[in-house]
Amino acid sequence: MVIKMRRIYFDNKYGYESLAQSIVLQAVKDYIRSYRAVLKNPRNDEAAAMMKECEDFIESRWFRMLCDLDPEELLYRLDREIEAPYYRRT
């Protein structure tokens, strides 16, 4: 059996931008998920560690290379968004 492969060419500029956006988006999703888990159970060490890891990434130099968002502003807005429903229930 012979399999013929075709070459697929991608424009690297958009590929790298898409990859960078995906990395940042995944960090934000992980931060949100872990923060909510910590709010539900403050003794959840695994979630607290993931939250800290995401914070460290968002405040890192690599994050600033991947996007032009302000890390402090992003964390502030995420915290407000995550905490709002929690405090409305209590």
PDB file of N, CA and C in Angstrom:
ATOM      1  N   MET A   1       0.842  -1.168   0.000  1.00  0.00           N
ATOM      2  CA  MET A   1       0.000   0.000   0.000  1.00  0.00           C
ATOM      3  C   MET A   1       0.892   1.237   0.000  1.00  0.00           C
ATOM      4  N   VAL A   2       0.618   2.138  -0.897  1.00  0.00           N
ATOM      5  CA  VAL A   2       1.403   3.352  -1.032  1.00  0.00           C
ATOM      6  C   VAL A   2       0.536   4.533  -0.630  1.00  0.00           C
ATOM      7  N   ILE A   3       1.071   5.346   0.270  1.00  0.00           N
ATOM      8  CA  ILE A   3       0.348   6.546   0.708  1.00  0.00           C
ATOM      9  C   ILE A   3       1.058   7.756   0.130  1.00  0.00           C
ATOM     10  N   LYS A   4       0.332   8.544  -0.591  1.00  0.00           N
ATOM     11  CA  LYS A   4       0.913   9.764  -1.156  1.00  0.00           C
ATOM     12  C   LYS A   4       0.600  10.922  -0.224  1.00  0.00           C
ATOM     13  N   MET A   5       1.619  11.647   0.134  1.00  0.00           N
ATOM     14  CA  MET A   5       1.469  12.792   1.035  1.00  0.00           C
ATOM     15  C   MET A   5       1.572  14.070   0.221  1.00  0.00           C
ATOM     16  N   ARG A   6       0.700  14.978   0.494  1.00  0.00           N
ATOM     17  CA  ARG A   6       0.791  16.299  -0.118  1.00  0.00           C
ATOM     18  C   ARG A   6       1.382  17.246   0.899  1.00  0.00           C
ATOM     19  N   ARG A   7       2.156  18.162   0.423  1.00  0.00           N
ATOM     20  CA  ARG A   7       2.712  19.174   1.316  1.00  0.00           C
ATOM     21  C   ARG A   7       1.674  20.263   1.528  1.00  0.00           C
ATOM     22  N   ILE A   8       1.539  20.637   2.766  1.00  0.00           N
ATOM     23  CA  ILE A   8       0.637  21.728   3.107  1.00  0.00           C
ATOM     24  C   ILE A   8       1.494  22.871   3.606  1.00  0.00           C
ATOM     25  N   TYR A   9       1.309  24.023   3.014  1.00  0.00           N
ATOM     26  CA  TYR A   9       2.090  25.190   3.393  1.00  0.00           C
ATOM     27  C   TYR A   9       1.225  26.122   4.237  1.00  0.00           C
ATOM     28  N   PHE A  10       1.804  26.566   5.320  1.00  0.00           N
ATOM     29  CA  PHE A  10       1.107  27.486   6.205  1.00  0.00           C
ATOM     30  C   PHE A  10       1.864  28.804   6.248  1.00  0.00           C
ATOM     31  N   ASP A  11       1.133  29.841   6.465  1.00  0.00           N
ATOM     32  CA  ASP A  11       1.758  31.140   6.671  1.00  0.00           C
ATOM     33  C   ASP A  11       2.191  31.183   8.132  1.00  0.00           C
ATOM     34  N   ASN A  12       3.471  31.128   8.397  1.00  0.00           N
ATOM     35  CA  ASN A  12       3.982  31.031   9.760  1.00  0.00           C
ATOM     36  C   ASN A  12       3.583  32.200  10.631  1.00  0.00           C
ATOM     37  N   LYS A  13       3.421  33.372  10.050  1.00  0.00           N
ATOM     38  CA  LYS A  13       3.061  34.534  10.851  1.00  0.00           C
ATOM     39  C   LYS A  13       1.767  34.276  11.617  1.00  0.00           C
ATOM     40  N   TYR A  14       0.758  33.811  10.935  1.00  0.00           N
ATOM     41  CA  TYR A  14      -0.525  33.570  11.586  1.00  0.00           C
ATOM     42  C   TYR A  14      -0.487  32.316  12.453  1.00  0.00           C
ATOM     43  N   GLY A  15       0.324  31.369  12.087  1.00  0.00           N
ATOM     44  CA  GLY A  15       0.461  30.169  12.902  1.00  0.00           C
ATOM     45  C   GLY A  15       1.036  30.483  14.269  1.00  0.00           C
ATOM     46  N   TYR A  16       2.076  31.309  14.305  1.00  0.00           N
ATOM     47  CA  TYR A  16       2.687  31.692  15.575  1.00  0.00           C
ATOM     48  C   TYR A  16       1.751  32.566  16.406  1.00  0.00           C
ATOM     49  N   GLU A  17       1.041  33.457  15.757  1.00  0.00           N
ATOM     50  CA  GLU A  17       0.087  34.294  16.487  1.00  0.00           C
ATOM     51  C   GLU A  17      -1.020  33.443  17.097  1.00  0.00           C
ATOM     52  N   SER A  18      -1.492  32.490  16.343  1.00  0.00           N
ATOM     53  CA  SER A  18      -2.536  31.599  16.837  1.00  0.00           C
ATOM     54  C   SER A  18      -2.033  30.769  18.014  1.00  0.00           C
ATOM     55  N   LEU A  19      -0.811  30.274  17.918  1.00  0.00           N
ATOM     56  CA  LEU A  19      -0.218  29.505  19.002  1.00  0.00           C
ATOM     57  C   LEU A  19      -0.072  30.365  20.259  1.00  0.00           C
ATOM     58  N   ALA A  20       0.410  31.587  20.097  1.00  0.00           N
ATOM     59  CA  ALA A  20       0.577  32.492  21.239  1.00  0.00           C
ATOM     60  C   ALA A  20      -0.768  32.783  21.902  1.00  0.00           C
ATOM     61  N   GLN A  21      -1.786  33.038  21.098  1.00  0.00           N
ATOM     62  CA  GLN A  21      -3.114  33.305  21.647  1.00  0.00           C
ATOM     63  C   GLN A  21      -3.659  32.083  22.376  1.00  0.00           C
ATOM     64  N   SER A  22      -3.409  30.912  21.851  1.00  0.00           N
ATOM     65  CA  SER A  22      -3.880  29.680  22.489  1.00  0.00           C
ATOM     66  C   SER A  22      -3.198  29.441  23.831  1.00  0.00           C
ATOM     67  N   ILE A  23      -1.916  29.746  23.913  1.00  0.00           N
ATOM     68  CA  ILE A  23      -1.177  29.582  25.161  1.00  0.00           C
ATOM     69  C   ILE A  23      -1.734  30.515  26.229  1.00  0.00           C
ATOM     70  N   VAL A  24      -1.941  31.773  25.868  1.00  0.00           N
ATOM     71  CA  VAL A  24      -2.471  32.759  26.811  1.00  0.00           C
ATOM     72  C   VAL A  24      -3.886  32.378  27.235  1.00  0.00           C
ATOM     73  N   LEU A  25      -4.708  31.991  26.285  1.00  0.00           N
ATOM     74  CA  LEU A  25      -6.086  31.611  26.599  1.00  0.00           C
ATOM     75  C   LEU A  25      -6.135  30.413  27.541  1.00  0.00           C
ATOM     76  N   GLN A  26      -5.277  29.431  27.329  1.00  0.00           N
ATOM     77  CA  GLN A  26      -5.255  28.251  28.207  1.00  0.00           C
ATOM     78  C   GLN A  26      -4.828  28.633  29.622  1.00  0.00           C
ATOM     79  N   ALA A  27      -3.872  29.550  29.738  1.00  0.00           N
ATOM     80  CA  ALA A  27      -3.449  30.003  31.065  1.00  0.00           C
ATOM     81  C   ALA A  27      -4.595  30.706  31.784  1.00  0.00           C
ATOM     82  N   VAL A  28      -5.354  31.507  31.062  1.00  0.00           N
ATOM     83  CA  VAL A  28      -6.501  32.205  31.660  1.00  0.00           C
ATOM     84  C   VAL A  28      -7.563  31.195  32.093  1.00  0.00           C
ATOM     85  N   LYS A  29      -7.844  30.210  31.248  1.00  0.00           N
ATOM     86  CA  LYS A  29      -8.836  29.188  31.608  1.00  0.00           C
ATOM     87  C   LYS A  29      -8.398  28.402  32.840  1.00  0.00           C
ATOM     88  N   ASP A  30      -7.127  28.030  32.881  1.00  0.00           N
ATOM     89  CA  ASP A  30      -6.606  27.296  34.034  1.00  0.00           C
ATOM     90  C   ASP A  30      -6.675  28.138  35.305  1.00  0.00           C
ATOM     91  N   TYR A  31      -6.379  29.426  35.187  1.00  0.00           N
ATOM     92  CA  TYR A  31      -6.434  30.330  36.335  1.00  0.00           C
ATOM     93  C   TYR A  31      -7.865  30.426  36.865  1.00  0.00           C
ATOM     94  N   ILE A  32      -8.814  30.605  35.969  1.00  0.00           N
ATOM     95  CA  ILE A  32     -10.223  30.712  36.368  1.00  0.00           C
ATOM     96  C   ILE A  32     -10.680  29.432  37.061  1.00  0.00           C
ATOM     97  N   ARG A  33     -10.378  28.287  36.460  1.00  0.00           N
ATOM     98  CA  ARG A  33     -10.801  27.011  37.022  1.00  0.00           C
ATOM     99  C   ARG A  33     -10.183  26.774  38.402  1.00  0.00           C
ATOM    100  N   SER A  34      -8.897  27.066  38.522  1.00  0.00           N
ATOM    101  CA  SER A  34      -8.229  26.814  39.805  1.00  0.00           C
ATOM    102  C   SER A  34      -8.674  27.808  40.875  1.00  0.00           C
ATOM    103  N   TYR A  35      -8.914  29.055  40.498  1.00  0.00           N
ATOM    104  CA  TYR A  35      -9.369  30.054  41.468  1.00  0.00           C
ATOM    105  C   TYR A  35     -10.752  29.673  42.009  1.00  0.00           C
ATOM    106  N   ARG A  36     -11.629  29.248  41.118  1.00  0.00           N
ATOM    107  CA  ARG A  36     -12.961  28.818  41.568  1.00  0.00           C
ATOM    108  C   ARG A  36     -12.866  27.620  42.504  1.00  0.00           C
ATOM    109  N   ALA A  37     -11.963  26.708  42.211  1.00  0.00           N
ATOM    110  CA  ALA A  37     -11.775  25.542  43.085  1.00  0.00           C
ATOM    111  C   ALA A  37     -11.258  25.964  44.451  1.00  0.00           C
ATOM    112  N   VAL A  38     -10.369  26.951  44.492  1.00  0.00           N
ATOM    113  CA  VAL A  38      -9.837  27.444  45.770  1.00  0.00           C
ATOM    114  C   VAL A  38     -10.930  28.166  46.565  1.00  0.00           C
ATOM    115  N   LEU A  39     -11.785  28.895  45.877  1.00  0.00           N
ATOM    116  CA  LEU A  39     -12.883  29.570  46.573  1.00  0.00           C
ATOM    117  C   LEU A  39     -13.855  28.557  47.189  1.00  0.00           C
ATOM    118  N   LYS A  40     -14.094  27.465  46.489  1.00  0.00           N
ATOM    119  CA  LYS A  40     -14.986  26.431  47.016  1.00  0.00           C
ATOM    120  C   LYS A  40     -14.350  25.672  48.171  1.00  0.00           C
ATOM    121  N   ASN A  41     -13.047  25.402  48.049  1.00  0.00           N
ATOM    122  CA  ASN A  41     -12.340  24.653  49.076  1.00  0.00           C
ATOM    123  C   ASN A  41     -10.948  25.258  49.265  1.00  0.00           C
ATOM    124  N   PRO A  42     -10.777  26.139  50.253  1.00  0.00           N
ATOM    125  CA  PRO A  42      -9.482  26.800  50.457  1.00  0.00           C
ATOM    126  C   PRO A  42      -8.330  25.832  50.776  1.00  0.00           C
ATOM    127  N   ARG A  43      -8.628  24.610  51.158  1.00  0.00           N
ATOM    128  CA  ARG A  43      -7.580  23.624  51.469  1.00  0.00           C
ATOM    129  C   ARG A  43      -7.130  22.826  50.249  1.00  0.00           C
ATOM    130  N   ASN A  44      -7.659  23.147  49.084  1.00  0.00           N
ATOM    131  CA  ASN A  44      -7.303  22.440  47.860  1.00  0.00           C
ATOM    132  C   ASN A  44      -5.911  22.905  47.406  1.00  0.00           C
ATOM    133  N   ASP A  45      -4.894  22.176  47.839  1.00  0.00           N
ATOM    134  CA  ASP A  45      -3.512  22.558  47.549  1.00  0.00           C
ATOM    135  C   ASP A  45      -3.163  22.438  46.070  1.00  0.00           C
ATOM    136  N   GLU A  46      -3.756  21.473  45.403  1.00  0.00           N
ATOM    137  CA  GLU A  46      -3.476  21.287  43.979  1.00  0.00           C
ATOM    138  C   GLU A  46      -3.988  22.487  43.172  1.00  0.00           C
ATOM    139  N   ALA A  47      -5.188  22.933  43.488  1.00  0.00           N
ATOM    140  CA  ALA A  47      -5.749  24.093  42.790  1.00  0.00           C
ATOM    141  C   ALA A  47      -4.973  25.367  43.127  1.00  0.00           C
ATOM    142  N   ALA A  48      -4.555  25.491  44.386  1.00  0.00           N
ATOM    143  CA  ALA A  48      -3.774  26.661  44.789  1.00  0.00           C
ATOM    144  C   ALA A  48      -2.434  26.697  44.065  1.00  0.00           C
ATOM    145  N   ALA A  49      -1.826  25.542  43.884  1.00  0.00           N
ATOM    146  CA  ALA A  49      -0.548  25.469  43.168  1.00  0.00           C
ATOM    147  C   ALA A  49      -0.736  25.838  41.700  1.00  0.00           C
ATOM    148  N   MET A  50      -1.822  25.358  41.088  1.00  0.00           N
ATOM    149  CA  MET A  50      -2.104  25.698  39.685  1.00  0.00           C
ATOM    150  C   MET A  50      -2.378  27.188  39.540  1.00  0.00           C
ATOM    151  N   MET A  51      -3.110  27.744  40.481  1.00  0.00           N
ATOM    152  CA  MET A  51      -3.396  29.176  40.453  1.00  0.00           C
ATOM    153  C   MET A  51      -2.108  29.987  40.536  1.00  0.00           C
ATOM    154  N   LYS A  52      -1.208  29.602  41.428  1.00  0.00           N
ATOM    155  CA  LYS A  52       0.077  30.285  41.579  1.00  0.00           C
ATOM    156  C   LYS A  52       0.918  30.156  40.307  1.00  0.00           C
ATOM    157  N   GLU A  53       0.907  28.974  39.717  1.00  0.00           N
ATOM    158  CA  GLU A  53       1.662  28.751  38.479  1.00  0.00           C
ATOM    159  C   GLU A  53       1.132  29.652  37.353  1.00  0.00           C
ATOM    160  N   CYS A  54      -0.187  29.775  37.256  1.00  0.00           N
ATOM    161  CA  CYS A  54      -0.784  30.643  36.237  1.00  0.00           C
ATOM    162  C   CYS A  54      -0.453  32.107  36.498  1.00  0.00           C
ATOM    163  N   GLU A  55      -0.521  32.528  37.766  1.00  0.00           N
ATOM    164  CA  GLU A  55      -0.154  33.905  38.111  1.00  0.00           C
ATOM    165  C   GLU A  55       1.296  34.189  37.733  1.00  0.00           C
ATOM    166  N   ASP A  56       2.176  33.258  38.052  1.00  0.00           N
ATOM    167  CA  ASP A  56       3.588  33.435  37.713  1.00  0.00           C
ATOM    168  C   ASP A  56       3.781  33.559  36.208  1.00  0.00           C
ATOM    169  N   PHE A  57       3.060  32.746  35.443  1.00  0.00           N
ATOM    170  CA  PHE A  57       3.166  32.831  33.989  1.00  0.00           C
ATOM    171  C   PHE A  57       2.649  34.172  33.479  1.00  0.00           C
ATOM    172  N   ILE A  58       1.494  34.586  33.973  1.00  0.00           N
ATOM    173  CA  ILE A  58       0.893  35.838  33.498  1.00  0.00           C
ATOM    174  C   ILE A  58       1.778  37.035  33.842  1.00  0.00           C
ATOM    175  N   GLU A  59       2.491  36.965  34.935  1.00  0.00           N
ATOM    176  CA  GLU A  59       3.383  38.059  35.317  1.00  0.00           C
ATOM    177  C   GLU A  59       4.783  37.915  34.714  1.00  0.00           C
ATOM    178  N   SER A  60       4.998  36.891  33.915  1.00  0.00           N
ATOM    179  CA  SER A  60       6.335  36.619  33.383  1.00  0.00           C
ATOM    180  C   SER A  60       6.651  37.442  32.128  1.00  0.00           C
ATOM    181  N   ARG A  61       7.906  37.408  31.807  1.00  0.00           N
ATOM    182  CA  ARG A  61       8.388  38.090  30.605  1.00  0.00           C
ATOM    183  C   ARG A  61       7.878  37.387  29.341  1.00  0.00           C
ATOM    184  N   TRP A  62       7.771  36.066  29.413  1.00  0.00           N
ATOM    185  CA  TRP A  62       7.293  35.314  28.263  1.00  0.00           C
ATOM    186  C   TRP A  62       5.865  35.700  27.905  1.00  0.00           C
ATOM    187  N   PHE A  63       5.011  35.907  28.906  1.00  0.00           N
ATOM    188  CA  PHE A  63       3.636  36.341  28.671  1.00  0.00           C
ATOM    189  C   PHE A  63       3.629  37.657  27.907  1.00  0.00           C
ATOM    190  N   ARG A  64       4.487  38.581  28.304  1.00  0.00           N
ATOM    191  CA  ARG A  64       4.557  39.887  27.630  1.00  0.00           C
ATOM    192  C   ARG A  64       5.046  39.757  26.190  1.00  0.00           C
ATOM    193  N   MET A  65       5.832  38.705  25.923  1.00  0.00           N
ATOM    194  CA  MET A  65       6.276  38.465  24.548  1.00  0.00           C
ATOM    195  C   MET A  65       5.148  37.888  23.689  1.00  0.00           C
ATOM    196  N   LEU A  66       4.253  37.129  24.317  1.00  0.00           N
ATOM    197  CA  LEU A  66       3.175  36.485  23.580  1.00  0.00           C
ATOM    198  C   LEU A  66       2.007  37.405  23.262  1.00  0.00           C
ATOM    199  N   CYS A  67       1.772  38.390  24.115  1.00  0.00           N
ATOM    200  CA  CYS A  67       0.635  39.280  23.888  1.00  0.00           C
ATOM    201  C   CYS A  67       0.939  40.662  24.444  1.00  0.00           C
ATOM    202  N   ASP A  68       0.073  41.600  24.143  1.00  0.00           N
ATOM    203  CA  ASP A  68       0.292  42.966  24.612  1.00  0.00           C
ATOM    204  C   ASP A  68      -0.677  43.363  25.732  1.00  0.00           C
ATOM    205  N   LEU A  69      -1.170  42.382  26.469  1.00  0.00           N
ATOM    206  CA  LEU A  69      -2.059  42.656  27.601  1.00  0.00           C
ATOM    207  C   LEU A  69      -1.247  43.081  28.819  1.00  0.00           C
ATOM    208  N   ASP A  70      -1.846  43.908  29.654  1.00  0.00           N
ATOM    209  CA  ASP A  70      -1.219  44.299  30.910  1.00  0.00           C
ATOM    210  C   ASP A  70      -1.499  43.197  31.938  1.00  0.00           C
ATOM    211  N   PRO A  71      -0.473  42.534  32.452  1.00  0.00           N
ATOM    212  CA  PRO A  71      -0.686  41.399  33.366  1.00  0.00           C
ATOM    213  C   PRO A  71      -1.465  41.771  34.624  1.00  0.00           C
ATOM    214  N   GLU A  72      -1.141  42.901  35.236  1.00  0.00           N
ATOM    215  CA  GLU A  72      -1.826  43.293  36.469  1.00  0.00           C
ATOM    216  C   GLU A  72      -3.297  43.587  36.211  1.00  0.00           C
ATOM    217  N   GLU A  73      -3.578  44.259  35.106  1.00  0.00           N
ATOM    218  CA  GLU A  73      -4.967  44.572  34.756  1.00  0.00           C
ATOM    219  C   GLU A  73      -5.744  43.294  34.460  1.00  0.00           C
ATOM    220  N   LEU A  74      -5.128  42.353  33.755  1.00  0.00           N
ATOM    221  CA  LEU A  74      -5.784  41.085  33.448  1.00  0.00           C
ATOM    222  C   LEU A  74      -6.121  40.321  34.721  1.00  0.00           C
ATOM    223  N   LEU A  75      -5.164  40.193  35.630  1.00  0.00           N
ATOM    224  CA  LEU A  75      -5.418  39.477  36.881  1.00  0.00           C
ATOM    225  C   LEU A  75      -6.485  40.185  37.717  1.00  0.00           C
ATOM    226  N   TYR A  76      -6.453  41.500  37.747  1.00  0.00           N
ATOM    227  CA  TYR A  76      -7.450  42.266  38.496  1.00  0.00           C
ATOM    228  C   TYR A  76      -8.857  42.004  37.950  1.00  0.00           C
ATOM    229  N   ARG A  77      -8.984  42.062  36.640  1.00  0.00           N
ATOM    230  CA  ARG A  77     -10.306  41.838  36.033  1.00  0.00           C
ATOM    231  C   ARG A  77     -10.782  40.402  36.209  1.00  0.00           C
ATOM    232  N   LEU A  78      -9.872  39.463  36.079  1.00  0.00           N
ATOM    233  CA  LEU A  78     -10.244  38.063  36.294  1.00  0.00           C
ATOM    234  C   LEU A  78     -10.696  37.835  37.730  1.00  0.00           C
ATOM    235  N   ASP A  79      -9.956  38.391  38.678  1.00  0.00           N
ATOM    236  CA  ASP A  79     -10.321  38.237  40.092  1.00  0.00           C
ATOM    237  C   ASP A  79     -11.705  38.800  40.367  1.00  0.00           C
ATOM    238  N   ARG A  80     -11.980  39.974  39.842  1.00  0.00           N
ATOM    239  CA  ARG A  80     -13.308  40.581  40.047  1.00  0.00           C
ATOM    240  C   ARG A  80     -14.403  39.734  39.428  1.00  0.00           C
ATOM    241  N   GLU A  81     -14.152  39.223  38.237  1.00  0.00           N
ATOM    242  CA  GLU A  81     -15.148  38.414  37.543  1.00  0.00           C
ATOM    243  C   GLU A  81     -15.403  37.095  38.273  1.00  0.00           C
ATOM    244  N   ILE A  82     -14.366  36.489  38.792  1.00  0.00           N
ATOM    245  CA  ILE A  82     -14.489  35.200  39.479  1.00  0.00           C
ATOM    246  C   ILE A  82     -15.122  35.365  40.856  1.00  0.00           C
ATOM    247  N   GLU A  83     -14.729  36.401  41.575  1.00  0.00           N
ATOM    248  CA  GLU A  83     -15.194  36.592  42.944  1.00  0.00           C
ATOM    249  C   GLU A  83     -16.616  37.129  43.028  1.00  0.00           C
ATOM    250  N   ALA A  84     -17.085  37.847  42.030  1.00  0.00           N
ATOM    251  CA  ALA A  84     -18.410  38.476  42.084  1.00  0.00           C
ATOM    252  C   ALA A  84     -19.539  37.484  42.378  1.00  0.00           C
ATOM    253  N   PRO A  85     -19.673  36.402  41.636  1.00  0.00           N
ATOM    254  CA  PRO A  85     -20.763  35.459  41.946  1.00  0.00           C
ATOM    255  C   PRO A  85     -20.598  34.800  43.307  1.00  0.00           C
ATOM    256  N   TYR A  86     -19.363  34.572  43.716  1.00  0.00           N
ATOM    257  CA  TYR A  86     -19.091  33.936  45.000  1.00  0.00           C
ATOM    258  C   TYR A  86     -19.588  34.814  46.144  1.00  0.00           C
ATOM    259  N   TYR A  87     -19.298  36.110  46.069  1.00  0.00           N
ATOM    260  CA  TYR A  87     -19.693  37.008  47.148  1.00  0.00           C
ATOM    261  C   TYR A  87     -21.169  37.347  47.112  1.00  0.00           C
ATOM    262  N   ARG A  88     -21.806  37.259  45.961  1.00  0.00           N
ATOM    263  CA  ARG A  88     -23.251  37.487  45.893  1.00  0.00           C
ATOM    264  C   ARG A  88     -24.012  36.379  46.615  1.00  0.00           C
ATOM    265  N   ARG A  89     -23.455  35.157  46.587  1.00  0.00           N
ATOM    266  CA  ARG A  89     -24.115  34.009  47.238  1.00  0.00           C
ATOM    267  C   ARG A  89     -23.932  34.033  48.744  1.00  0.00           C
ATOM    268  N   THR A  90     -22.842  34.623  49.238  1.00  0.00           N
ATOM    269  CA  THR A  90     -22.586  34.586  50.674  1.00  0.00           C
ATOM    270  C   THR A  90     -23.226  35.739  51.395  1.00  0.00           C
TER     271      THR A  90
END
